[in-house]
Amino acid sequence: MNIKAVAISSFARFILGGNVFSRLLSVVTRQQDKVLSGAEKRHAALEDIKTIGLELAEWAVNLGIELAVAWLKSKSDTK
C-alpha cells in the first residue's frame, strides 16, 4: 500500500471510525466502475449509505465519500 493511501485511511479512520470508513469505502468502490457521472455516482452512494443504515451527519458522509474516492485514486496512481 502506498503512503498516500495509508495517510488517507488513517485520517479517515481517526475522524469517522474504522468500521464506518470501511463501509463507506465499500460503497464507493461499488460505484467506481459504473458508467455514471460523478454526481450520479455520489447519489447512488448516498442511497446505498441510507440502505445499509449508516446514520452520520451530512458533513461526515460527504467527508467519508471524498476520502474514499481519494483513497481509491491513490491506489490507482501506483499501477
N, C-alpha and C. Protein backbone atom coordinates (compact mmCIF):
# COMPACT_ATOMS: atom_id res chain seq x y z
N MET A 1 0.86 -1.18 0.00
CA MET A 1 0.00 0.00 0.00
C MET A 1 0.90 1.23 0.00
N ASN A 2 0.53 2.23 -0.80
CA ASN A 2 1.37 3.42 -0.85
C ASN A 2 1.11 4.34 0.33
N ILE A 3 2.03 5.24 0.57
CA ILE A 3 1.98 6.12 1.73
C ILE A 3 0.76 7.04 1.70
N LYS A 4 0.37 7.48 0.51
CA LYS A 4 -0.79 8.35 0.37
C LYS A 4 -2.06 7.63 0.84
N ALA A 5 -2.22 6.38 0.40
CA ALA A 5 -3.40 5.59 0.79
C ALA A 5 -3.41 5.34 2.29
N VAL A 6 -2.24 5.07 2.87
CA VAL A 6 -2.14 4.84 4.31
C VAL A 6 -2.53 6.11 5.07
N ALA A 7 -2.04 7.26 4.61
CA ALA A 7 -2.35 8.53 5.28
C ALA A 7 -3.85 8.83 5.21
N ILE A 8 -4.43 8.65 4.04
CA ILE A 8 -5.87 8.91 3.87
C ILE A 8 -6.68 7.97 4.76
N SER A 9 -6.33 6.70 4.73
CA SER A 9 -7.04 5.71 5.53
C SER A 9 -6.91 6.00 7.02
N SER A 10 -5.73 6.33 7.46
CA SER A 10 -5.51 6.62 8.89
C SER A 10 -6.32 7.83 9.33
N PHE A 11 -6.31 8.88 8.52
CA PHE A 11 -7.07 10.08 8.86
C PHE A 11 -8.57 9.77 8.90
N ALA A 12 -9.05 9.07 7.87
CA ALA A 12 -10.48 8.75 7.80
C ALA A 12 -10.91 7.88 8.98
N ARG A 13 -10.10 6.90 9.33
CA ARG A 13 -10.43 6.02 10.45
C ARG A 13 -10.42 6.78 11.78
N PHE A 14 -9.53 7.76 11.89
CA PHE A 14 -9.47 8.58 13.10
C PHE A 14 -10.71 9.47 13.21
N ILE A 15 -11.07 10.13 12.13
CA ILE A 15 -12.20 11.08 12.14
C ILE A 15 -13.55 10.37 12.15
N LEU A 16 -13.70 9.34 11.32
CA LEU A 16 -15.00 8.69 11.14
C LEU A 16 -15.16 7.39 11.91
N GLY A 17 -14.06 6.79 12.27
CA GLY A 17 -14.09 5.46 12.88
C GLY A 17 -13.77 4.41 11.83
N GLY A 18 -13.05 3.39 12.23
CA GLY A 18 -12.60 2.38 11.28
C GLY A 18 -13.71 1.64 10.59
N ASN A 19 -14.72 1.21 11.33
CA ASN A 19 -15.82 0.47 10.73
C ASN A 19 -16.61 1.34 9.76
N VAL A 20 -16.85 2.58 10.12
CA VAL A 20 -17.60 3.49 9.25
C VAL A 20 -16.84 3.71 7.95
N PHE A 21 -15.53 3.99 8.04
CA PHE A 21 -14.77 4.23 6.81
C PHE A 21 -14.73 2.96 5.95
N SER A 22 -14.59 1.82 6.55
CA SER A 22 -14.58 0.57 5.77
C SER A 22 -15.88 0.40 5.01
N ARG A 23 -16.98 0.70 5.66
CA ARG A 23 -18.28 0.57 5.00
C ARG A 23 -18.45 1.61 3.90
N LEU A 24 -18.02 2.85 4.16
CA LEU A 24 -18.10 3.89 3.13
C LEU A 24 -17.20 3.54 1.95
N LEU A 25 -16.04 3.03 2.22
CA LEU A 25 -15.12 2.63 1.17
C LEU A 25 -15.73 1.53 0.30
N SER A 26 -16.41 0.60 0.93
CA SER A 26 -17.08 -0.47 0.19
C SER A 26 -18.16 0.10 -0.73
N VAL A 27 -18.93 1.04 -0.21
CA VAL A 27 -20.00 1.67 -1.01
C VAL A 27 -19.40 2.40 -2.20
N VAL A 28 -18.37 3.20 -1.98
CA VAL A 28 -17.75 3.97 -3.05
C VAL A 28 -17.08 3.04 -4.07
N THR A 29 -16.46 1.98 -3.60
CA THR A 29 -15.82 1.03 -4.50
C THR A 29 -16.83 0.40 -5.45
N ARG A 30 -18.01 0.10 -4.95
CA ARG A 30 -19.06 -0.48 -5.80
C ARG A 30 -19.48 0.48 -6.91
N GLN A 31 -19.36 1.77 -6.68
CA GLN A 31 -19.76 2.77 -7.67
C GLN A 31 -18.67 3.03 -8.71
N GLN A 32 -17.45 2.69 -8.36
CA GLN A 32 -16.28 3.06 -9.15
C GLN A 32 -16.37 2.70 -10.63
N ASP A 33 -16.79 1.49 -10.94
CA ASP A 33 -16.78 1.02 -12.32
C ASP A 33 -18.08 1.25 -13.08
N LYS A 34 -19.04 1.84 -12.43
CA LYS A 34 -20.31 2.11 -13.11
C LYS A 34 -20.13 3.25 -14.11
N VAL A 35 -20.85 3.16 -15.21
CA VAL A 35 -20.78 4.19 -16.24
C VAL A 35 -21.80 5.28 -15.89
N LEU A 36 -21.41 6.12 -14.94
CA LEU A 36 -22.26 7.22 -14.46
C LEU A 36 -21.40 8.45 -14.30
N SER A 37 -22.04 9.60 -14.26
CA SER A 37 -21.31 10.84 -13.96
C SER A 37 -20.92 10.83 -12.48
N GLY A 38 -20.04 11.72 -12.10
CA GLY A 38 -19.65 11.82 -10.70
C GLY A 38 -20.83 12.12 -9.79
N ALA A 39 -21.71 13.00 -10.25
CA ALA A 39 -22.90 13.34 -9.45
C ALA A 39 -23.82 12.13 -9.30
N GLU A 40 -23.96 11.36 -10.36
CA GLU A 40 -24.81 10.17 -10.30
C GLU A 40 -24.20 9.11 -9.37
N LYS A 41 -22.88 8.97 -9.41
CA LYS A 41 -22.21 8.03 -8.51
C LYS A 41 -22.40 8.46 -7.06
N ARG A 42 -22.28 9.76 -6.80
CA ARG A 42 -22.48 10.28 -5.43
C ARG A 42 -23.90 9.99 -4.97
N HIS A 43 -24.88 10.24 -5.83
CA HIS A 43 -26.28 9.99 -5.47
C HIS A 43 -26.49 8.51 -5.17
N ALA A 44 -25.94 7.63 -6.01
CA ALA A 44 -26.07 6.19 -5.79
C ALA A 44 -25.39 5.78 -4.48
N ALA A 45 -24.23 6.37 -4.20
CA ALA A 45 -23.52 6.07 -2.95
C ALA A 45 -24.36 6.51 -1.75
N LEU A 46 -24.94 7.69 -1.83
CA LEU A 46 -25.78 8.18 -0.73
C LEU A 46 -26.97 7.26 -0.51
N GLU A 47 -27.56 6.76 -1.58
CA GLU A 47 -28.68 5.83 -1.45
C GLU A 47 -28.23 4.53 -0.79
N ASP A 48 -27.05 4.03 -1.19
CA ASP A 48 -26.50 2.81 -0.57
C ASP A 48 -26.25 3.03 0.91
N ILE A 49 -25.73 4.19 1.25
CA ILE A 49 -25.43 4.51 2.66
C ILE A 49 -26.71 4.49 3.48
N LYS A 50 -27.78 5.05 2.92
CA LYS A 50 -29.07 5.02 3.61
C LYS A 50 -29.55 3.58 3.76
N THR A 51 -29.38 2.78 2.71
CA THR A 51 -29.84 1.39 2.70
C THR A 51 -29.16 0.56 3.78
N ILE A 52 -27.85 0.76 3.95
CA ILE A 52 -27.14 -0.05 4.95
C ILE A 52 -27.29 0.52 6.35
N GLY A 53 -27.96 1.67 6.46
CA GLY A 53 -28.32 2.18 7.77
C GLY A 53 -27.25 2.99 8.48
N LEU A 54 -26.30 3.52 7.74
CA LEU A 54 -25.30 4.38 8.40
C LEU A 54 -25.95 5.72 8.73
N GLU A 55 -25.96 6.05 9.97
CA GLU A 55 -26.52 7.32 10.43
C GLU A 55 -25.37 8.25 10.78
N LEU A 56 -25.08 9.15 9.88
CA LEU A 56 -23.99 10.10 10.08
C LEU A 56 -24.48 11.50 9.74
N ALA A 57 -23.80 12.48 10.32
CA ALA A 57 -24.08 13.85 9.94
C ALA A 57 -23.72 14.03 8.47
N GLU A 58 -24.40 14.93 7.80
CA GLU A 58 -24.17 15.15 6.38
C GLU A 58 -22.70 15.46 6.08
N TRP A 59 -22.07 16.26 6.94
CA TRP A 59 -20.66 16.60 6.71
C TRP A 59 -19.78 15.36 6.79
N ALA A 60 -20.12 14.44 7.69
CA ALA A 60 -19.32 13.22 7.86
C ALA A 60 -19.48 12.30 6.65
N VAL A 61 -20.69 12.20 6.13
CA VAL A 61 -20.91 11.39 4.93
C VAL A 61 -20.14 11.97 3.76
N ASN A 62 -20.24 13.28 3.56
CA ASN A 62 -19.53 13.92 2.45
C ASN A 62 -18.02 13.75 2.59
N LEU A 63 -17.51 13.95 3.80
CA LEU A 63 -16.08 13.77 4.05
C LEU A 63 -15.68 12.33 3.78
N GLY A 64 -16.45 11.40 4.27
CA GLY A 64 -16.15 9.98 4.07
C GLY A 64 -16.13 9.59 2.61
N ILE A 65 -17.09 10.07 1.85
CA ILE A 65 -17.14 9.77 0.42
C ILE A 65 -15.91 10.34 -0.27
N GLU A 66 -15.59 11.59 0.02
CA GLU A 66 -14.42 12.21 -0.62
C GLU A 66 -13.13 11.50 -0.24
N LEU A 67 -13.00 11.10 1.02
CA LEU A 67 -11.80 10.37 1.44
C LEU A 67 -11.72 9.00 0.78
N ALA A 68 -12.85 8.34 0.63
CA ALA A 68 -12.87 7.04 -0.04
C ALA A 68 -12.47 7.18 -1.51
N VAL A 69 -12.96 8.22 -2.16
CA VAL A 69 -12.59 8.47 -3.56
C VAL A 69 -11.10 8.77 -3.65
N ALA A 70 -10.60 9.60 -2.75
CA ALA A 70 -9.16 9.92 -2.74
C ALA A 70 -8.33 8.67 -2.49
N TRP A 71 -8.80 7.80 -1.60
CA TRP A 71 -8.09 6.56 -1.31
C TRP A 71 -8.03 5.68 -2.56
N LEU A 72 -9.16 5.53 -3.25
CA LEU A 72 -9.19 4.72 -4.47
C LEU A 72 -8.28 5.30 -5.55
N LYS A 73 -8.29 6.62 -5.70
CA LYS A 73 -7.42 7.27 -6.69
C LYS A 73 -5.96 7.07 -6.34
N SER A 74 -5.63 7.14 -5.06
CA SER A 74 -4.24 6.96 -4.64
C SER A 74 -3.77 5.54 -4.93
N LYS A 75 -4.69 4.58 -4.83
CA LYS A 75 -4.35 3.19 -5.14
C LYS A 75 -4.09 3.01 -6.63
N SER A 76 -4.89 3.69 -7.47
CA SER A 76 -4.71 3.55 -8.91
C SER A 76 -3.49 4.32 -9.41
N ASP A 77 -3.02 5.30 -8.65
CA ASP A 77 -1.82 6.06 -9.04
C ASP A 77 -0.57 5.19 -9.05
N THR A 78 -0.60 4.10 -8.30
CA THR A 78 0.59 3.26 -8.18
C THR A 78 0.63 2.16 -9.23
N LYS A 79 -0.41 2.02 -10.01
CA LYS A 79 -0.47 0.93 -11.01
C LYS A 79 0.20 1.35 -12.29
